[in-house]
């Protein structure tokens, strides 16, 4: 089985670096994007299995990106975990179509558990769709 691809979009290079190291050490392939305006184009090239998306970014905020993704056929069912330090981040994320929400500063173990859970579920869905 090939590694699952995770796209990470955050406007903070430090967070991108930490997440990339963490996720690669867990056996995932990681693609990072610091500029949210490039994200959808990059996603169409790389076709990730899951997206980690920061909510507050300059130019194009995470919830705007996510609303666009949810109207794009390839990504309407993509698992997306929104990361945010915002108090109302969870409700904004849900409103935009996020699969899950993780508050910043995030607990690495908690994040990995959520990622693995979503990727396992999406595998089951695909198997189910293939057999139905």
C-alpha atoms as a PDB file:
ATOM      1  CA  UNK A   1       0.000   0.000   0.000  1.00  0.00           C
ATOM      2  CA  UNK A   2       1.446   3.326  -0.944  1.00  0.00           C
ATOM      3  CA  UNK A   3       1.717   6.127   1.552  1.00  0.00           C
ATOM      4  CA  UNK A   4      -1.246   8.398   2.050  1.00  0.00           C
ATOM      5  CA  UNK A   5      -0.685  11.943   0.811  1.00  0.00           C
ATOM      6  CA  UNK A   6      -1.460  14.801   3.140  1.00  0.00           C
ATOM      7  CA  UNK A   7      -1.571  18.392   1.986  1.00  0.00           C
ATOM      8  CA  UNK A   8      -0.884  21.018   4.628  1.00  0.00           C
ATOM      9  CA  UNK A   9      -1.803  24.652   4.061  1.00  0.00           C
ATOM     10  CA  UNK A  10      -0.777  27.239   6.646  1.00  0.00           C
ATOM     11  CA  UNK A  11       0.692  30.707   6.289  1.00  0.00           C
ATOM     12  CA  UNK A  12       3.204  29.983   9.082  1.00  0.00           C
ATOM     13  CA  UNK A  13       6.343  28.263   7.768  1.00  0.00           C
ATOM     14  CA  UNK A  14       7.192  27.038  11.287  1.00  0.00           C
ATOM     15  CA  UNK A  15       3.919  25.171  11.531  1.00  0.00           C
ATOM     16  CA  UNK A  16       4.372  23.724   8.038  1.00  0.00           C
ATOM     17  CA  UNK A  17       7.844  22.465   9.005  1.00  0.00           C
ATOM     18  CA  UNK A  18       6.662  20.893  12.266  1.00  0.00           C
ATOM     19  CA  UNK A  19       3.674  19.207  10.624  1.00  0.00           C
ATOM     20  CA  UNK A  20       5.769  17.965   7.722  1.00  0.00           C
ATOM     21  CA  UNK A  21       8.343  16.394  10.072  1.00  0.00           C
ATOM     22  CA  UNK A  22       5.662  14.877  12.283  1.00  0.00           C
ATOM     23  CA  UNK A  23       3.568  13.454   9.451  1.00  0.00           C
ATOM     24  CA  UNK A  24       6.563  12.117   7.523  1.00  0.00           C
ATOM     25  CA  UNK A  25       7.786  10.388  10.684  1.00  0.00           C
ATOM     26  CA  UNK A  26       4.340   8.738  10.818  1.00  0.00           C
ATOM     27  CA  UNK A  27       4.833   7.435   7.270  1.00  0.00           C
ATOM     28  CA  UNK A  28       2.765   9.946   5.299  1.00  0.00           C
ATOM     29  CA  UNK A  29       3.806  11.776   2.139  1.00  0.00           C
ATOM     30  CA  UNK A  30       3.457  15.476   2.833  1.00  0.00           C
ATOM     31  CA  UNK A  31       2.969  18.397   0.481  1.00  0.00           C
ATOM     32  CA  UNK A  32       3.020  21.841   2.044  1.00  0.00           C
ATOM     33  CA  UNK A  33       1.577  25.059   0.657  1.00  0.00           C
ATOM     34  CA  UNK A  34       2.091  28.389   2.399  1.00  0.00           C
ATOM     35  CA  UNK A  35      -0.008  30.437  -0.017  1.00  0.00           C
ATOM     36  CA  UNK A  36      -3.714  29.621   0.159  1.00  0.00           C
ATOM     37  CA  UNK A  37      -4.335  31.150  -3.272  1.00  0.00           C
ATOM     38  CA  UNK A  38      -2.201  28.351  -4.825  1.00  0.00           C
ATOM     39  CA  UNK A  39      -3.801  25.577  -2.826  1.00  0.00           C
ATOM     40  CA  UNK A  40      -6.524  24.353  -5.156  1.00  0.00           C
ATOM     41  CA  UNK A  41      -4.182  24.327  -8.153  1.00  0.00           C
ATOM     42  CA  UNK A  42      -1.608  22.351  -6.115  1.00  0.00           C
ATOM     43  CA  UNK A  43      -4.268  19.953  -4.910  1.00  0.00           C
ATOM     44  CA  UNK A  44      -5.347  19.186  -8.467  1.00  0.00           C
ATOM     45  CA  UNK A  45      -1.731  18.330  -9.300  1.00  0.00           C
ATOM     46  CA  UNK A  46      -1.007  16.293  -6.151  1.00  0.00           C
ATOM     47  CA  UNK A  47      -4.465  14.848  -5.346  1.00  0.00           C
ATOM     48  CA  UNK A  48      -3.987  14.456  -1.585  1.00  0.00           C
ATOM     49  CA  UNK A  49      -5.892  11.924   0.530  1.00  0.00           C
ATOM     50  CA  UNK A  50      -6.456  14.489   3.277  1.00  0.00           C
ATOM     51  CA  UNK A  51      -6.024  18.230   3.784  1.00  0.00           C
ATOM     52  CA  UNK A  52      -4.893  20.044   6.926  1.00  0.00           C
ATOM     53  CA  UNK A  53      -6.016  23.620   6.532  1.00  0.00           C
ATOM     54  CA  UNK A  54      -5.330  26.699   8.638  1.00  0.00           C
ATOM     55  CA  UNK A  55      -8.371  28.932   9.073  1.00  0.00           C
ATOM     56  CA  UNK A  56      -6.819  32.399   9.275  1.00  0.00           C
ATOM     57  CA  UNK A  57      -4.603  33.178   6.319  1.00  0.00           C
ATOM     58  CA  UNK A  58      -3.985  36.361   4.333  1.00  0.00           C
ATOM     59  CA  UNK A  59      -5.743  36.915   0.996  1.00  0.00           C
ATOM     60  CA  UNK A  60      -7.813  33.725   0.983  1.00  0.00           C
ATOM     61  CA  UNK A  61      -8.949  32.391   4.360  1.00  0.00           C
ATOM     62  CA  UNK A  62      -9.250  28.684   5.088  1.00  0.00           C
ATOM     63  CA  UNK A  63     -13.040  28.743   5.154  1.00  0.00           C
ATOM     64  CA  UNK A  64     -13.145  30.443   1.724  1.00  0.00           C
ATOM     65  CA  UNK A  65     -10.754  27.832   0.304  1.00  0.00           C
ATOM     66  CA  UNK A  66     -12.806  25.052   1.848  1.00  0.00           C
ATOM     67  CA  UNK A  67     -16.104  26.334   0.455  1.00  0.00           C
ATOM     68  CA  UNK A  68     -14.503  26.377  -2.996  1.00  0.00           C
ATOM     69  CA  UNK A  69     -13.124  22.857  -2.523  1.00  0.00           C
ATOM     70  CA  UNK A  70     -16.539  21.552  -1.535  1.00  0.00           C
ATOM     71  CA  UNK A  71     -17.946  22.763  -4.867  1.00  0.00           C
ATOM     72  CA  UNK A  72     -15.092  21.089  -6.800  1.00  0.00           C
ATOM     73  CA  UNK A  73     -15.992  17.590  -7.895  1.00  0.00           C
ATOM     74  CA  UNK A  74     -12.625  15.981  -7.069  1.00  0.00           C
ATOM     75  CA  UNK A  75     -12.629  17.335  -3.534  1.00  0.00           C
ATOM     76  CA  UNK A  76     -16.235  17.448  -2.411  1.00  0.00           C
ATOM     77  CA  UNK A  77     -15.711  14.366  -0.183  1.00  0.00           C
ATOM     78  CA  UNK A  78     -12.037  14.920   0.706  1.00  0.00           C
ATOM     79  CA  UNK A  79     -11.373  14.694   4.460  1.00  0.00           C
ATOM     80  CA  UNK A  80     -10.370  18.176   5.635  1.00  0.00           C
ATOM     81  CA  UNK A  81      -9.158  18.963   9.139  1.00  0.00           C
ATOM     82  CA  UNK A  82      -9.208  22.663   9.921  1.00  0.00           C
ATOM     83  CA  UNK A  83      -6.620  24.026  12.362  1.00  0.00           C
ATOM     84  CA  UNK A  84      -7.259  27.277  14.175  1.00  0.00           C
ATOM     85  CA  UNK A  85      -6.431  29.231  17.303  1.00  0.00           C
ATOM     86  CA  UNK A  86      -9.739  31.062  16.911  1.00  0.00           C
ATOM     87  CA  UNK A  87     -12.364  30.639  19.622  1.00  0.00           C
ATOM     88  CA  UNK A  88     -15.177  30.264  17.101  1.00  0.00           C
ATOM     89  CA  UNK A  89     -12.971  28.328  14.662  1.00  0.00           C
ATOM     90  CA  UNK A  90     -14.917  25.130  15.155  1.00  0.00           C
ATOM     91  CA  UNK A  91     -18.265  26.579  14.087  1.00  0.00           C
ATOM     92  CA  UNK A  92     -16.705  28.441  11.145  1.00  0.00           C
ATOM     93  CA  UNK A  93     -14.951  25.231  10.063  1.00  0.00           C
ATOM     94  CA  UNK A  94     -18.166  23.218  10.297  1.00  0.00           C
ATOM     95  CA  UNK A  95     -20.070  25.873   8.390  1.00  0.00           C
ATOM     96  CA  UNK A  96     -17.518  25.750   5.567  1.00  0.00           C
ATOM     97  CA  UNK A  97     -17.683  21.962   5.281  1.00  0.00           C
ATOM     98  CA  UNK A  98     -14.733  20.738   7.366  1.00  0.00           C
ATOM     99  CA  UNK A  99     -14.633  17.064   8.275  1.00  0.00           C
ATOM    100  CA  UNK A 100     -12.993  17.782  11.627  1.00  0.00           C
ATOM    101  CA  UNK A 101     -11.486  20.597  13.649  1.00  0.00           C
ATOM    102  CA  UNK A 102      -8.329  20.787  15.763  1.00  0.00           C
ATOM    103  CA  UNK A 103      -7.665  23.846  17.926  1.00  0.00           C
ATOM    104  CA  UNK A 104      -4.196  25.422  17.934  1.00  0.00           C
ATOM    105  CA  UNK A 105      -1.890  24.891  19.679  1.00  0.00           C
ATOM    106  CA  UNK A 106      -2.675  21.321  18.688  1.00  0.00           C
ATOM    107  CA  UNK A 107      -1.811  18.108  20.441  1.00  0.00           C
ATOM    108  CA  UNK A 108       0.295  16.092  17.975  1.00  0.00           C
ATOM    109  CA  UNK A 109      -1.032  12.726  19.157  1.00  0.00           C
ATOM    110  CA  UNK A 110      -4.616  13.923  18.937  1.00  0.00           C
ATOM    111  CA  UNK A 111      -3.996  15.209  15.401  1.00  0.00           C
ATOM    112  CA  UNK A 112      -2.432  11.911  14.251  1.00  0.00           C
ATOM    113  CA  UNK A 113      -5.343   9.933  15.734  1.00  0.00           C
ATOM    114  CA  UNK A 114      -7.846  12.118  13.869  1.00  0.00           C
ATOM    115  CA  UNK A 115      -5.893  11.846  10.602  1.00  0.00           C
ATOM    116  CA  UNK A 116      -5.599   8.061  10.852  1.00  0.00           C
ATOM    117  CA  UNK A 117      -9.283   7.773  11.732  1.00  0.00           C
ATOM    118  CA  UNK A 118     -10.355   9.829   8.716  1.00  0.00           C
ATOM    119  CA  UNK A 119      -8.029   8.033   6.309  1.00  0.00           C
ATOM    120  CA  UNK A 120      -9.204   4.632   7.540  1.00  0.00           C
ATOM    121  CA  UNK A 121     -12.825   5.682   7.147  1.00  0.00           C
ATOM    122  CA  UNK A 122     -12.277   7.012   3.638  1.00  0.00           C
ATOM    123  CA  UNK A 123     -10.685   3.668   2.678  1.00  0.00           C
ATOM    124  CA  UNK A 124     -13.746   1.836   3.959  1.00  0.00           C
ATOM    125  CA  UNK A 125     -16.016   4.176   1.981  1.00  0.00           C
ATOM    126  CA  UNK A 126     -14.063   3.548  -1.207  1.00  0.00           C
ATOM    127  CA  UNK A 127     -14.169  -0.222  -0.719  1.00  0.00           C
ATOM    128  CA  UNK A 128     -17.889  -0.006  -0.046  1.00  0.00           C
ATOM    129  CA  UNK A 129     -18.492   2.139  -3.121  1.00  0.00           C
ATOM    130  CA  UNK A 130     -16.507  -0.288  -5.249  1.00  0.00           C
ATOM    131  CA  UNK A 131     -18.569  -3.259  -4.101  1.00  0.00           C
ATOM    132  CA  UNK A 132     -22.007  -1.637  -4.144  1.00  0.00           C
END
